[in-house]
């Protein structure tokens, strides 16, 4: 009988052991989950509630973003949690109802141009783990 480095009769038991051990070893591998935070708040223009747009949160580092239409009274709540990070906040035209007749996109001239673009907005908000209640202040 030829000699092998291992005994073939023991292979099924060893194979079963290795297959059971692999998931336990690799279970801790993979990217760590980043802390998440929910975001709600108020948008004001010169101290008054502002609701004629959508508010957009964009991480320039990761590209992660979320947006929602601003409600009456200037309130908003992002639809899903965001990874904890610093976000540039800017405005976008409201999305409107998809079933409505399409309308030309327009921006409110009462709001300074810098707030309509992620490259020029100077509003930075740090989203932390847990609940975040933020104030987005637009100033002329």
N, C-alpha and C. Protein backbone atom coordinates (compact mmCIF):
# COMPACT_ATOMS: atom_id res chain seq x y z
N UNK A 1 0.85 -1.17 0.00
CA UNK A 1 0.00 0.00 0.00
C UNK A 1 0.89 1.23 0.00
N UNK A 2 0.62 2.22 -0.91
CA UNK A 2 1.48 3.40 -0.98
C UNK A 2 1.29 4.28 0.25
N UNK A 3 2.37 4.98 0.58
CA UNK A 3 2.30 5.90 1.73
C UNK A 3 1.92 7.29 1.23
N UNK A 4 0.93 7.88 1.88
CA UNK A 4 0.53 9.25 1.59
C UNK A 4 0.86 10.11 2.79
N UNK A 5 0.89 11.41 2.56
CA UNK A 5 1.18 12.34 3.66
C UNK A 5 0.05 12.33 4.68
N UNK A 6 -1.11 11.89 4.28
CA UNK A 6 -2.23 11.81 5.21
C UNK A 6 -3.01 10.53 4.92
N UNK A 7 -3.73 10.12 5.88
CA UNK A 7 -4.50 8.88 5.78
C UNK A 7 -5.84 9.20 5.12
N UNK A 8 -6.10 8.60 3.96
CA UNK A 8 -7.34 8.86 3.23
C UNK A 8 -8.58 8.46 4.01
N UNK A 9 -8.44 7.50 4.90
CA UNK A 9 -9.59 7.06 5.69
C UNK A 9 -10.05 8.15 6.66
N UNK A 10 -9.16 9.04 7.03
CA UNK A 10 -9.51 10.11 7.98
C UNK A 10 -9.94 11.40 7.27
N UNK A 11 -9.86 11.44 5.97
CA UNK A 11 -10.17 12.65 5.19
C UNK A 11 -11.59 13.18 5.45
N UNK A 12 -12.64 12.35 5.42
CA UNK A 12 -13.98 12.91 5.64
C UNK A 12 -14.12 13.61 6.99
N UNK A 13 -13.56 13.07 8.04
CA UNK A 13 -13.64 13.71 9.35
C UNK A 13 -12.88 15.02 9.40
N UNK A 14 -11.69 15.03 8.81
CA UNK A 14 -10.88 16.26 8.79
C UNK A 14 -11.53 17.32 7.91
N UNK A 15 -12.07 16.89 6.79
CA UNK A 15 -12.73 17.83 5.88
C UNK A 15 -13.94 18.47 6.58
N UNK A 16 -14.69 17.66 7.27
CA UNK A 16 -15.85 18.19 8.00
C UNK A 16 -15.40 19.19 9.06
N UNK A 17 -14.31 18.88 9.76
CA UNK A 17 -13.78 19.79 10.77
C UNK A 17 -13.38 21.13 10.15
N UNK A 18 -12.66 21.09 9.03
CA UNK A 18 -12.21 22.31 8.36
C UNK A 18 -13.40 23.12 7.86
N UNK A 19 -14.38 22.45 7.28
CA UNK A 19 -15.56 23.16 6.76
C UNK A 19 -16.35 23.82 7.89
N UNK A 20 -16.38 23.20 9.04
CA UNK A 20 -17.08 23.80 10.18
C UNK A 20 -16.29 24.94 10.80
N UNK A 21 -14.98 24.87 10.71
CA UNK A 21 -14.12 25.88 11.31
C UNK A 21 -14.04 27.15 10.46
N UNK A 22 -14.11 27.02 9.14
CA UNK A 22 -13.96 28.18 8.24
C UNK A 22 -14.96 29.30 8.53
N UNK A 23 -16.25 29.01 8.64
CA UNK A 23 -17.18 30.12 8.92
C UNK A 23 -16.87 30.82 10.24
N UNK A 24 -16.44 30.08 11.22
CA UNK A 24 -16.11 30.70 12.51
C UNK A 24 -14.92 31.63 12.38
N UNK A 25 -13.95 31.25 11.57
CA UNK A 25 -12.76 32.08 11.37
C UNK A 25 -13.10 33.34 10.60
N UNK A 26 -13.89 33.19 9.53
CA UNK A 26 -14.16 34.32 8.65
C UNK A 26 -15.36 35.17 9.07
N UNK A 27 -16.07 34.76 10.10
CA UNK A 27 -17.24 35.52 10.55
C UNK A 27 -16.87 36.93 10.99
N UNK A 28 -15.70 37.09 11.57
CA UNK A 28 -15.27 38.41 12.03
C UNK A 28 -14.61 39.23 10.95
N UNK A 29 -14.41 38.66 9.78
CA UNK A 29 -13.76 39.38 8.69
C UNK A 29 -14.77 40.24 7.95
N UNK A 30 -14.27 41.18 7.18
CA UNK A 30 -15.14 42.05 6.41
C UNK A 30 -15.11 43.45 6.99
N UNK A 31 -15.71 44.38 6.26
CA UNK A 31 -15.68 45.76 6.71
C UNK A 31 -16.49 45.96 7.99
N UNK A 32 -15.95 46.77 8.86
CA UNK A 32 -16.66 47.09 10.10
C UNK A 32 -17.83 48.00 9.76
N UNK A 33 -18.95 47.81 10.44
CA UNK A 33 -20.11 48.66 10.18
C UNK A 33 -19.88 50.02 10.81
N UNK A 34 -20.13 51.04 10.00
CA UNK A 34 -19.96 52.42 10.46
C UNK A 34 -21.18 52.83 11.29
N UNK A 35 -20.97 53.62 12.34
CA UNK A 35 -22.12 54.10 13.11
C UNK A 35 -23.07 54.91 12.21
N UNK A 36 -24.36 54.78 12.46
CA UNK A 36 -25.37 55.45 11.64
C UNK A 36 -26.15 56.46 12.48
N UNK A 37 -26.66 57.48 11.80
CA UNK A 37 -27.46 58.49 12.48
C UNK A 37 -28.66 58.91 11.66
N UNK A 38 -29.78 59.13 12.33
CA UNK A 38 -30.96 59.67 11.67
C UNK A 38 -30.86 61.20 11.72
N UNK A 39 -31.46 61.85 10.72
CA UNK A 39 -31.36 63.31 10.64
C UNK A 39 -32.74 63.91 10.39
N UNK A 40 -33.09 64.87 11.25
CA UNK A 40 -34.28 65.68 11.05
C UNK A 40 -33.91 67.09 11.48
N UNK A 41 -34.73 68.05 11.05
CA UNK A 41 -34.41 69.41 11.44
C UNK A 41 -35.30 70.44 10.78
N UNK A 42 -34.77 71.66 10.74
CA UNK A 42 -35.49 72.81 10.21
C UNK A 42 -34.57 73.60 9.30
N UNK A 43 -35.15 74.12 8.22
CA UNK A 43 -34.42 75.00 7.31
C UNK A 43 -35.02 76.40 7.46
N UNK A 44 -34.13 77.38 7.65
CA UNK A 44 -34.58 78.77 7.73
C UNK A 44 -33.82 79.63 6.73
N UNK A 45 -34.48 80.67 6.25
CA UNK A 45 -33.87 81.68 5.39
C UNK A 45 -34.01 83.00 6.12
N UNK A 46 -32.89 83.56 6.52
CA UNK A 46 -32.87 84.80 7.30
C UNK A 46 -33.77 84.70 8.54
N UNK A 47 -33.71 83.55 9.20
CA UNK A 47 -34.44 83.35 10.45
C UNK A 47 -35.88 82.91 10.30
N UNK A 48 -36.39 82.85 9.08
CA UNK A 48 -37.78 82.44 8.83
C UNK A 48 -37.81 81.04 8.23
N UNK A 49 -38.79 80.21 8.61
CA UNK A 49 -38.88 78.87 8.02
C UNK A 49 -38.92 78.93 6.50
N UNK A 50 -38.20 78.02 5.88
CA UNK A 50 -38.14 77.96 4.41
C UNK A 50 -38.52 76.57 3.94
N UNK A 51 -39.45 76.48 2.97
CA UNK A 51 -39.94 75.17 2.56
C UNK A 51 -40.04 74.98 1.05
N UNK A 52 -39.51 75.90 0.25
CA UNK A 52 -39.71 75.83 -1.20
C UNK A 52 -38.56 75.13 -1.92
N UNK A 53 -38.11 73.99 -1.38
CA UNK A 53 -37.01 73.24 -2.00
C UNK A 53 -36.88 71.88 -1.34
N UNK A 54 -35.92 71.13 -1.80
CA UNK A 54 -35.48 69.90 -1.13
C UNK A 54 -34.16 70.20 -0.46
N UNK A 55 -33.86 69.50 0.63
CA UNK A 55 -32.57 69.65 1.29
C UNK A 55 -31.76 68.38 0.97
N UNK A 56 -30.49 68.57 0.66
CA UNK A 56 -29.62 67.47 0.27
C UNK A 56 -28.42 67.43 1.20
N UNK A 57 -28.10 66.24 1.72
CA UNK A 57 -26.90 66.00 2.52
C UNK A 57 -25.97 65.15 1.68
N UNK A 58 -24.73 65.62 1.47
CA UNK A 58 -23.76 64.91 0.64
C UNK A 58 -22.41 64.86 1.33
N UNK A 59 -21.86 63.66 1.50
CA UNK A 59 -20.49 63.52 2.01
C UNK A 59 -19.56 63.60 0.81
N UNK A 60 -18.73 64.63 0.77
CA UNK A 60 -17.80 64.77 -0.35
C UNK A 60 -16.71 63.71 -0.30
N UNK A 61 -16.48 63.10 0.86
CA UNK A 61 -15.47 62.05 0.98
C UNK A 61 -15.95 60.71 0.48
N UNK A 62 -17.14 60.30 0.90
CA UNK A 62 -17.63 58.96 0.56
C UNK A 62 -18.61 58.97 -0.62
N UNK A 63 -19.22 60.12 -0.91
CA UNK A 63 -20.24 60.18 -1.95
C UNK A 63 -21.62 59.81 -1.44
N UNK A 64 -21.72 59.43 -0.17
CA UNK A 64 -23.01 59.08 0.43
C UNK A 64 -23.90 60.32 0.44
N UNK A 65 -25.18 60.15 0.06
CA UNK A 65 -26.08 61.30 0.02
C UNK A 65 -27.50 60.88 0.34
N UNK A 66 -28.29 61.87 0.76
CA UNK A 66 -29.72 61.68 1.00
C UNK A 66 -30.40 63.02 0.84
N UNK A 67 -31.66 62.98 0.37
CA UNK A 67 -32.39 64.23 0.21
C UNK A 67 -33.87 63.99 0.48
N UNK A 68 -34.57 65.08 0.76
CA UNK A 68 -36.01 65.03 1.01
C UNK A 68 -36.58 66.42 0.79
N UNK A 69 -37.85 66.48 0.36
CA UNK A 69 -38.53 67.77 0.24
C UNK A 69 -38.72 68.37 1.63
N UNK A 70 -38.51 69.68 1.73
CA UNK A 70 -38.73 70.40 2.99
C UNK A 70 -40.24 70.62 3.12
N UNK A 71 -40.77 70.37 4.30
CA UNK A 71 -42.21 70.48 4.56
C UNK A 71 -42.56 71.90 5.04
N UNK A 72 -43.86 72.16 5.13
CA UNK A 72 -44.35 73.43 5.65
C UNK A 72 -43.72 73.68 7.02
N UNK A 73 -43.39 74.90 7.30
CA UNK A 73 -42.74 75.23 8.56
C UNK A 73 -41.23 75.00 8.52
N UNK A 74 -40.72 74.60 7.36
CA UNK A 74 -39.28 74.41 7.20
C UNK A 74 -38.74 73.10 7.75
N UNK A 75 -39.62 72.17 8.13
CA UNK A 75 -39.15 70.93 8.74
C UNK A 75 -38.83 69.87 7.69
N UNK A 76 -37.93 68.96 8.05
CA UNK A 76 -37.58 67.84 7.19
C UNK A 76 -37.10 66.67 8.04
N UNK A 77 -37.18 65.48 7.46
CA UNK A 77 -36.61 64.29 8.07
C UNK A 77 -36.10 63.41 6.93
N UNK A 78 -34.80 63.12 6.93
CA UNK A 78 -34.24 62.28 5.88
C UNK A 78 -34.86 60.89 5.97
N UNK A 79 -35.11 60.25 4.82
CA UNK A 79 -35.85 58.99 4.81
C UNK A 79 -35.12 57.79 5.41
N UNK A 80 -33.79 57.83 5.45
CA UNK A 80 -33.05 56.70 6.02
C UNK A 80 -31.80 57.21 6.73
N UNK A 81 -31.28 56.42 7.67
CA UNK A 81 -30.07 56.85 8.39
C UNK A 81 -28.87 57.02 7.46
N UNK A 82 -27.96 57.88 7.89
CA UNK A 82 -26.71 58.12 7.16
C UNK A 82 -25.53 57.65 8.01
N UNK A 83 -24.44 57.22 7.36
CA UNK A 83 -23.23 56.91 8.13
C UNK A 83 -22.73 58.18 8.82
N UNK A 84 -22.22 58.03 10.03
CA UNK A 84 -21.65 59.18 10.74
C UNK A 84 -20.52 59.76 9.90
N UNK A 85 -20.59 61.07 9.64
CA UNK A 85 -19.63 61.74 8.77
C UNK A 85 -19.99 63.23 8.74
N UNK A 86 -19.17 64.02 8.08
CA UNK A 86 -19.48 65.43 7.86
C UNK A 86 -20.08 65.57 6.47
N UNK A 87 -21.20 66.25 6.39
CA UNK A 87 -21.95 66.39 5.14
C UNK A 87 -22.05 67.85 4.72
N UNK A 88 -21.90 68.08 3.42
CA UNK A 88 -22.20 69.38 2.83
C UNK A 88 -23.70 69.39 2.58
N UNK A 89 -24.35 70.48 2.99
CA UNK A 89 -25.81 70.59 2.86
C UNK A 89 -26.11 71.68 1.85
N UNK A 90 -26.99 71.36 0.91
CA UNK A 90 -27.40 72.34 -0.10
C UNK A 90 -28.84 72.07 -0.50
N UNK A 91 -29.39 72.95 -1.31
CA UNK A 91 -30.78 72.84 -1.75
C UNK A 91 -30.87 72.33 -3.18
N UNK A 92 -32.01 71.75 -3.50
CA UNK A 92 -32.33 71.32 -4.86
C UNK A 92 -33.81 71.61 -5.07
N UNK A 93 -34.23 71.80 -6.33
CA UNK A 93 -35.66 72.00 -6.57
C UNK A 93 -36.46 70.80 -6.06
N UNK A 94 -37.66 71.06 -5.57
CA UNK A 94 -38.52 69.97 -5.10
C UNK A 94 -38.77 68.98 -6.23
N UNK A 95 -38.83 67.70 -5.85
CA UNK A 95 -39.03 66.65 -6.84
C UNK A 95 -40.44 66.69 -7.42
N UNK A 96 -41.40 67.03 -6.61
CA UNK A 96 -42.79 67.06 -7.08
C UNK A 96 -43.37 65.66 -7.15
N UNK A 97 -44.63 65.57 -7.51
CA UNK A 97 -45.32 64.30 -7.61
C UNK A 97 -45.08 63.71 -9.00
N UNK A 98 -44.58 62.47 -9.10
CA UNK A 98 -44.29 61.88 -10.40
C UNK A 98 -45.51 61.76 -11.31
N UNK A 99 -46.70 61.71 -10.75
CA UNK A 99 -47.90 61.59 -11.58
C UNK A 99 -48.38 62.94 -12.13
N UNK A 100 -47.83 64.04 -11.63
CA UNK A 100 -48.22 65.37 -12.12
C UNK A 100 -47.58 65.64 -13.47
N UNK A 101 -48.15 66.60 -14.16
CA UNK A 101 -47.59 67.08 -15.43
C UNK A 101 -46.19 67.65 -15.17
N UNK A 102 -45.19 67.29 -15.96
CA UNK A 102 -43.84 67.84 -15.74
C UNK A 102 -43.84 69.37 -15.86
N UNK A 103 -43.10 70.00 -14.96
CA UNK A 103 -42.98 71.46 -14.97
C UNK A 103 -41.51 71.83 -15.15
N UNK A 104 -41.24 73.00 -15.71
CA UNK A 104 -39.84 73.43 -15.81
C UNK A 104 -39.23 73.58 -14.42
N UNK A 105 -37.98 73.20 -14.30
CA UNK A 105 -37.28 73.32 -13.03
C UNK A 105 -36.88 74.77 -12.84
N UNK A 106 -37.15 75.29 -11.64
CA UNK A 106 -36.73 76.65 -11.33
C UNK A 106 -36.26 76.69 -9.89
N UNK A 107 -35.36 77.61 -9.62
CA UNK A 107 -34.88 77.78 -8.26
C UNK A 107 -35.36 79.13 -7.75
N UNK A 108 -35.51 79.21 -6.45
CA UNK A 108 -36.01 80.41 -5.80
C UNK A 108 -34.89 81.46 -5.78
N UNK A 109 -35.12 82.57 -6.48
CA UNK A 109 -34.12 83.64 -6.56
C UNK A 109 -33.92 84.34 -5.22
N UNK A 110 -34.82 84.14 -4.25
CA UNK A 110 -34.68 84.76 -2.93
C UNK A 110 -33.55 84.09 -2.13
N UNK A 111 -33.14 82.90 -2.55
CA UNK A 111 -32.07 82.17 -1.85
C UNK A 111 -30.77 82.40 -2.61
N UNK A 112 -29.70 82.80 -1.92
CA UNK A 112 -28.41 83.00 -2.61
C UNK A 112 -27.98 81.77 -3.40
N UNK A 113 -27.38 82.02 -4.56
CA UNK A 113 -26.96 80.95 -5.47
C UNK A 113 -26.08 79.89 -4.82
N UNK A 114 -25.23 80.30 -3.86
CA UNK A 114 -24.28 79.35 -3.28
C UNK A 114 -24.97 78.18 -2.60
N UNK A 115 -26.21 78.34 -2.16
CA UNK A 115 -26.92 77.27 -1.46
C UNK A 115 -27.56 76.24 -2.40
N UNK A 116 -27.47 76.47 -3.71
CA UNK A 116 -28.07 75.56 -4.69
C UNK A 116 -27.03 74.61 -5.29
N UNK A 117 -25.83 74.56 -4.73
CA UNK A 117 -24.77 73.76 -5.32
C UNK A 117 -23.86 73.20 -4.24
N UNK A 118 -23.53 71.92 -4.32
CA UNK A 118 -22.65 71.30 -3.31
C UNK A 118 -21.25 71.88 -3.34
N UNK A 119 -20.81 72.38 -4.48
CA UNK A 119 -19.46 72.92 -4.59
C UNK A 119 -19.33 74.29 -3.93
N UNK A 120 -20.43 75.03 -3.83
CA UNK A 120 -20.34 76.38 -3.27
C UNK A 120 -21.00 76.53 -1.90
N UNK A 121 -21.79 75.57 -1.48
CA UNK A 121 -22.45 75.68 -0.18
C UNK A 121 -21.43 75.67 0.94
N UNK A 122 -21.61 76.57 1.90
CA UNK A 122 -20.69 76.63 3.04
C UNK A 122 -21.31 75.98 4.28
N UNK A 123 -22.42 75.27 4.10
CA UNK A 123 -23.08 74.62 5.23
C UNK A 123 -22.52 73.21 5.38
N UNK A 124 -21.90 72.95 6.51
CA UNK A 124 -21.34 71.63 6.85
C UNK A 124 -22.02 71.17 8.13
N UNK A 125 -22.54 69.96 8.12
CA UNK A 125 -23.19 69.40 9.30
C UNK A 125 -22.59 68.03 9.59
N UNK A 126 -22.21 67.84 10.83
CA UNK A 126 -21.66 66.56 11.26
C UNK A 126 -22.81 65.68 11.75
N UNK A 127 -22.97 64.54 11.09
CA UNK A 127 -23.98 63.57 11.51
C UNK A 127 -23.28 62.59 12.44
N UNK A 128 -23.84 62.47 13.64
CA UNK A 128 -23.28 61.57 14.65
C UNK A 128 -24.18 60.35 14.80
N UNK A 129 -23.67 59.34 15.46
CA UNK A 129 -24.45 58.13 15.71
C UNK A 129 -25.68 58.49 16.54
N UNK A 130 -26.82 57.89 16.19
CA UNK A 130 -28.06 58.16 16.92
C UNK A 130 -28.90 59.22 16.23
N UNK A 131 -29.72 59.91 17.01
CA UNK A 131 -30.61 60.94 16.47
C UNK A 131 -29.87 62.28 16.35
N UNK A 132 -30.07 62.95 15.22
CA UNK A 132 -29.49 64.26 14.98
C UNK A 132 -30.61 65.22 14.64
N UNK A 133 -30.75 66.28 15.43
CA UNK A 133 -31.73 67.32 15.17
C UNK A 133 -30.94 68.56 14.79
N UNK A 134 -31.01 68.96 13.52
CA UNK A 134 -30.12 70.01 13.01
C UNK A 134 -30.90 71.23 12.54
N UNK A 135 -30.19 72.34 12.51
CA UNK A 135 -30.73 73.61 12.00
C UNK A 135 -29.92 73.97 10.77
N UNK A 136 -30.58 74.12 9.62
CA UNK A 136 -29.92 74.54 8.39
C UNK A 136 -30.29 76.00 8.18
N UNK A 137 -29.31 76.88 8.40
CA UNK A 137 -29.56 78.32 8.32
C UNK A 137 -29.02 78.88 7.02
N UNK A 138 -29.94 79.40 6.20
CA UNK A 138 -29.59 80.06 4.95
C UNK A 138 -29.59 81.57 5.21
N UNK A 139 -28.53 82.25 4.77
CA UNK A 139 -28.43 83.69 5.01
C UNK A 139 -28.12 84.41 3.71
N UNK A 140 -28.74 85.58 3.55
CA UNK A 140 -28.45 86.41 2.38
C UNK A 140 -27.15 87.15 2.56
